[in-house]
Amino acid sequence: MTDVRPSSADPGWTIRHFSQSNPSGRGSGDVAALLRRVADTLDSLGDVQVEDLTFKSNVTAAEDELTITVYYDAEPRRR
């Protein structure tokens, strides 16, 4: 299951965001898999301008739980 939560579409804000994690359990600590998930989500958004991203790792008894939050502008990228 993919955890993607787009931010509010409030017209007063120009930056949107989503957070994404790997599914809980075996493989939840797979950084490469999480990066691929984030890349797939960005591709599905179309031509957006990424402003920033954060990476968070929560240590657990099993594998670490990873989360990436991407902050983006829905305007097309500057070229």
N, C-alpha and C. Protein backbone atom coordinates (compact mmCIF):
# COMPACT_ATOMS: atom_id res chain seq x y z
N MET A 1 0.84 -1.17 0.00
CA MET A 1 0.00 0.00 0.00
C MET A 1 0.89 1.24 0.00
N THR A 2 0.55 2.19 -0.80
CA THR A 2 1.29 3.43 -0.89
C THR A 2 0.60 4.49 -0.05
N ASP A 3 1.39 5.24 0.71
CA ASP A 3 0.85 6.30 1.54
C ASP A 3 1.15 7.63 0.87
N VAL A 4 0.18 8.18 0.16
CA VAL A 4 0.34 9.47 -0.51
C VAL A 4 -0.78 10.37 -0.06
N ARG A 5 -0.42 11.50 0.52
CA ARG A 5 -1.42 12.44 1.02
C ARG A 5 -1.15 13.81 0.44
N PRO A 6 -1.75 14.17 -0.69
CA PRO A 6 -1.55 15.51 -1.23
C PRO A 6 -2.06 16.55 -0.24
N SER A 7 -1.39 17.69 -0.22
CA SER A 7 -1.81 18.76 0.67
C SER A 7 -3.07 19.42 0.15
N SER A 8 -3.61 20.28 0.96
CA SER A 8 -4.83 21.00 0.61
C SER A 8 -4.61 21.82 -0.66
N ALA A 9 -5.66 21.95 -1.45
CA ALA A 9 -5.58 22.73 -2.70
C ALA A 9 -5.98 24.18 -2.43
N ASP A 10 -5.73 24.68 -1.24
CA ASP A 10 -6.04 26.06 -0.88
C ASP A 10 -5.33 26.99 -1.85
N PRO A 11 -6.05 27.85 -2.56
CA PRO A 11 -5.42 28.73 -3.55
C PRO A 11 -4.45 29.73 -2.93
N GLY A 12 -4.48 29.90 -1.60
CA GLY A 12 -3.54 30.80 -0.94
C GLY A 12 -2.14 30.21 -0.82
N TRP A 13 -2.02 28.91 -1.01
CA TRP A 13 -0.73 28.23 -0.90
C TRP A 13 -0.28 27.79 -2.29
N THR A 14 0.98 28.01 -2.60
CA THR A 14 1.48 27.58 -3.90
C THR A 14 2.26 26.27 -3.81
N ILE A 15 2.73 25.91 -2.63
CA ILE A 15 3.50 24.68 -2.47
C ILE A 15 2.59 23.58 -1.94
N ARG A 16 2.64 22.45 -2.58
CA ARG A 16 1.88 21.26 -2.16
C ARG A 16 2.87 20.23 -1.67
N HIS A 17 2.39 19.17 -1.06
CA HIS A 17 3.30 18.12 -0.61
C HIS A 17 2.57 16.78 -0.54
N PHE A 18 3.38 15.73 -0.53
CA PHE A 18 2.88 14.38 -0.23
C PHE A 18 3.95 13.64 0.53
N SER A 19 3.52 12.74 1.38
CA SER A 19 4.43 11.87 2.12
C SER A 19 4.21 10.45 1.67
N GLN A 20 5.29 9.72 1.57
CA GLN A 20 5.18 8.35 1.06
C GLN A 20 6.10 7.44 1.86
N SER A 21 5.60 6.22 2.13
CA SER A 21 6.34 5.20 2.87
C SER A 21 6.21 3.87 2.17
N ASN A 22 7.12 2.96 2.49
CA ASN A 22 6.96 1.58 2.05
C ASN A 22 5.90 0.93 2.93
N PRO A 23 5.29 -0.16 2.45
CA PRO A 23 4.36 -0.89 3.30
C PRO A 23 5.06 -1.40 4.57
N SER A 24 4.35 -1.48 5.67
CA SER A 24 4.92 -2.00 6.92
C SER A 24 5.31 -3.46 6.75
N GLY A 25 6.29 -3.88 7.52
CA GLY A 25 6.72 -5.28 7.49
C GLY A 25 8.00 -5.45 6.70
N ARG A 26 8.20 -6.65 6.23
CA ARG A 26 9.43 -6.99 5.50
C ARG A 26 9.59 -6.06 4.28
N GLY A 27 10.74 -5.43 4.17
CA GLY A 27 11.00 -4.52 3.06
C GLY A 27 10.71 -3.07 3.38
N SER A 28 10.19 -2.79 4.58
CA SER A 28 9.86 -1.41 4.91
C SER A 28 11.10 -0.52 4.99
N GLY A 29 12.27 -1.11 5.21
CA GLY A 29 13.51 -0.34 5.28
C GLY A 29 14.27 -0.24 3.97
N ASP A 30 13.64 -0.60 2.86
CA ASP A 30 14.28 -0.60 1.54
C ASP A 30 14.26 0.81 0.94
N VAL A 31 15.38 1.52 1.07
CA VAL A 31 15.46 2.91 0.60
C VAL A 31 15.25 3.00 -0.92
N ALA A 32 15.88 2.10 -1.66
CA ALA A 32 15.75 2.14 -3.12
C ALA A 32 14.30 1.96 -3.57
N ALA A 33 13.59 1.04 -2.91
CA ALA A 33 12.17 0.81 -3.25
C ALA A 33 11.35 2.07 -2.96
N LEU A 34 11.63 2.73 -1.85
CA LEU A 34 10.90 3.95 -1.51
C LEU A 34 11.19 5.05 -2.53
N LEU A 35 12.44 5.20 -2.93
CA LEU A 35 12.79 6.20 -3.95
C LEU A 35 12.07 5.92 -5.27
N ARG A 36 11.95 4.64 -5.63
CA ARG A 36 11.22 4.29 -6.86
C ARG A 36 9.74 4.66 -6.72
N ARG A 37 9.14 4.41 -5.55
CA ARG A 37 7.74 4.77 -5.32
C ARG A 37 7.54 6.28 -5.47
N VAL A 38 8.45 7.03 -4.88
CA VAL A 38 8.35 8.50 -4.96
C VAL A 38 8.51 8.95 -6.41
N ALA A 39 9.45 8.37 -7.13
CA ALA A 39 9.64 8.72 -8.55
C ALA A 39 8.38 8.41 -9.36
N ASP A 40 7.77 7.27 -9.11
CA ASP A 40 6.53 6.92 -9.82
C ASP A 40 5.42 7.92 -9.52
N THR A 41 5.31 8.34 -8.26
CA THR A 41 4.29 9.32 -7.90
C THR A 41 4.56 10.65 -8.58
N LEU A 42 5.82 11.09 -8.60
CA LEU A 42 6.15 12.34 -9.28
C LEU A 42 5.82 12.26 -10.77
N ASP A 43 6.11 11.13 -11.40
CA ASP A 43 5.76 10.95 -12.81
C ASP A 43 4.25 11.07 -13.01
N SER A 44 3.47 10.53 -12.07
CA SER A 44 2.02 10.58 -12.21
C SER A 44 1.46 11.99 -12.03
N LEU A 45 2.20 12.86 -11.35
CA LEU A 45 1.76 14.24 -11.16
C LEU A 45 1.97 15.09 -12.41
N GLY A 46 2.81 14.62 -13.31
CA GLY A 46 3.09 15.38 -14.53
C GLY A 46 4.25 16.34 -14.32
N ASP A 47 4.21 17.44 -15.05
CA ASP A 47 5.31 18.40 -15.04
C ASP A 47 5.16 19.35 -13.85
N VAL A 48 5.76 18.97 -12.71
CA VAL A 48 5.73 19.79 -11.51
C VAL A 48 7.16 20.19 -11.16
N GLN A 49 7.26 21.19 -10.32
CA GLN A 49 8.57 21.67 -9.89
C GLN A 49 8.80 21.26 -8.44
N VAL A 50 9.73 20.36 -8.20
CA VAL A 50 10.04 19.92 -6.84
C VAL A 50 10.89 20.99 -6.18
N GLU A 51 10.44 21.42 -5.00
CA GLU A 51 11.13 22.47 -4.25
C GLU A 51 12.04 21.90 -3.17
N ASP A 52 11.61 20.80 -2.54
CA ASP A 52 12.38 20.24 -1.43
C ASP A 52 11.86 18.84 -1.15
N LEU A 53 12.67 18.04 -0.45
CA LEU A 53 12.19 16.77 0.06
C LEU A 53 12.90 16.47 1.36
N THR A 54 12.23 15.71 2.21
CA THR A 54 12.81 15.29 3.47
C THR A 54 12.76 13.77 3.56
N PHE A 55 13.72 13.22 4.28
CA PHE A 55 13.81 11.78 4.48
C PHE A 55 13.81 11.52 5.98
N LYS A 56 12.93 10.63 6.43
CA LYS A 56 12.83 10.33 7.85
C LYS A 56 12.92 8.82 8.05
N SER A 57 13.67 8.42 9.06
CA SER A 57 13.81 7.00 9.39
C SER A 57 13.45 6.80 10.85
N ASN A 58 12.44 5.96 11.11
CA ASN A 58 12.07 5.59 12.48
C ASN A 58 12.63 4.21 12.76
N VAL A 59 13.45 4.11 13.79
CA VAL A 59 14.05 2.84 14.16
C VAL A 59 12.99 1.98 14.86
N THR A 60 12.87 0.75 14.41
CA THR A 60 11.94 -0.20 15.02
C THR A 60 12.69 -1.47 15.41
N ALA A 61 12.01 -2.38 16.05
CA ALA A 61 12.64 -3.65 16.44
C ALA A 61 13.01 -4.48 15.21
N ALA A 62 12.25 -4.32 14.15
CA ALA A 62 12.53 -5.06 12.91
C ALA A 62 13.27 -4.12 11.95
N GLU A 63 12.71 -3.85 10.80
CA GLU A 63 13.32 -2.93 9.84
C GLU A 63 12.89 -1.51 10.15
N ASP A 64 13.73 -0.56 9.77
CA ASP A 64 13.38 0.85 9.96
C ASP A 64 12.17 1.19 9.10
N GLU A 65 11.35 2.11 9.60
CA GLU A 65 10.21 2.62 8.84
C GLU A 65 10.65 3.94 8.22
N LEU A 66 10.57 4.03 6.91
CA LEU A 66 11.07 5.18 6.17
C LEU A 66 9.93 6.02 5.61
N THR A 67 10.12 7.33 5.58
CA THR A 67 9.15 8.24 4.98
C THR A 67 9.88 9.33 4.22
N ILE A 68 9.41 9.62 3.02
CA ILE A 68 9.90 10.76 2.25
C ILE A 68 8.73 11.70 2.04
N THR A 69 8.96 12.98 2.32
CA THR A 69 7.97 14.01 2.03
C THR A 69 8.52 14.88 0.92
N VAL A 70 7.72 15.08 -0.11
CA VAL A 70 8.11 15.90 -1.27
C VAL A 70 7.26 17.16 -1.28
N TYR A 71 7.93 18.31 -1.38
CA TYR A 71 7.26 19.60 -1.48
C TYR A 71 7.40 20.08 -2.92
N TYR A 72 6.28 20.42 -3.56
CA TYR A 72 6.34 20.75 -4.97
C TYR A 72 5.35 21.85 -5.33
N ASP A 73 5.63 22.49 -6.45
CA ASP A 73 4.74 23.50 -7.03
C ASP A 73 4.11 22.87 -8.25
N ALA A 74 2.79 23.03 -8.39
CA ALA A 74 2.09 22.41 -9.52
C ALA A 74 2.41 23.09 -10.84
N GLU A 75 3.08 24.22 -10.80
CA GLU A 75 3.50 24.88 -12.04
C GLU A 75 4.57 24.04 -12.73
N PRO A 76 4.64 24.10 -14.05
CA PRO A 76 5.69 23.36 -14.76
C PRO A 76 7.09 23.78 -14.32
N ARG A 77 8.02 22.84 -14.43
CA ARG A 77 9.42 23.12 -14.10
C ARG A 77 9.96 24.28 -14.92
N ARG A 78 10.88 25.01 -14.31
CA ARG A 78 11.62 26.02 -15.06
C ARG A 78 12.61 25.29 -15.94
N ARG A 79 12.77 25.73 -17.15
CA ARG A 79 13.70 25.06 -18.07
C ARG A 79 14.76 26.00 -18.52
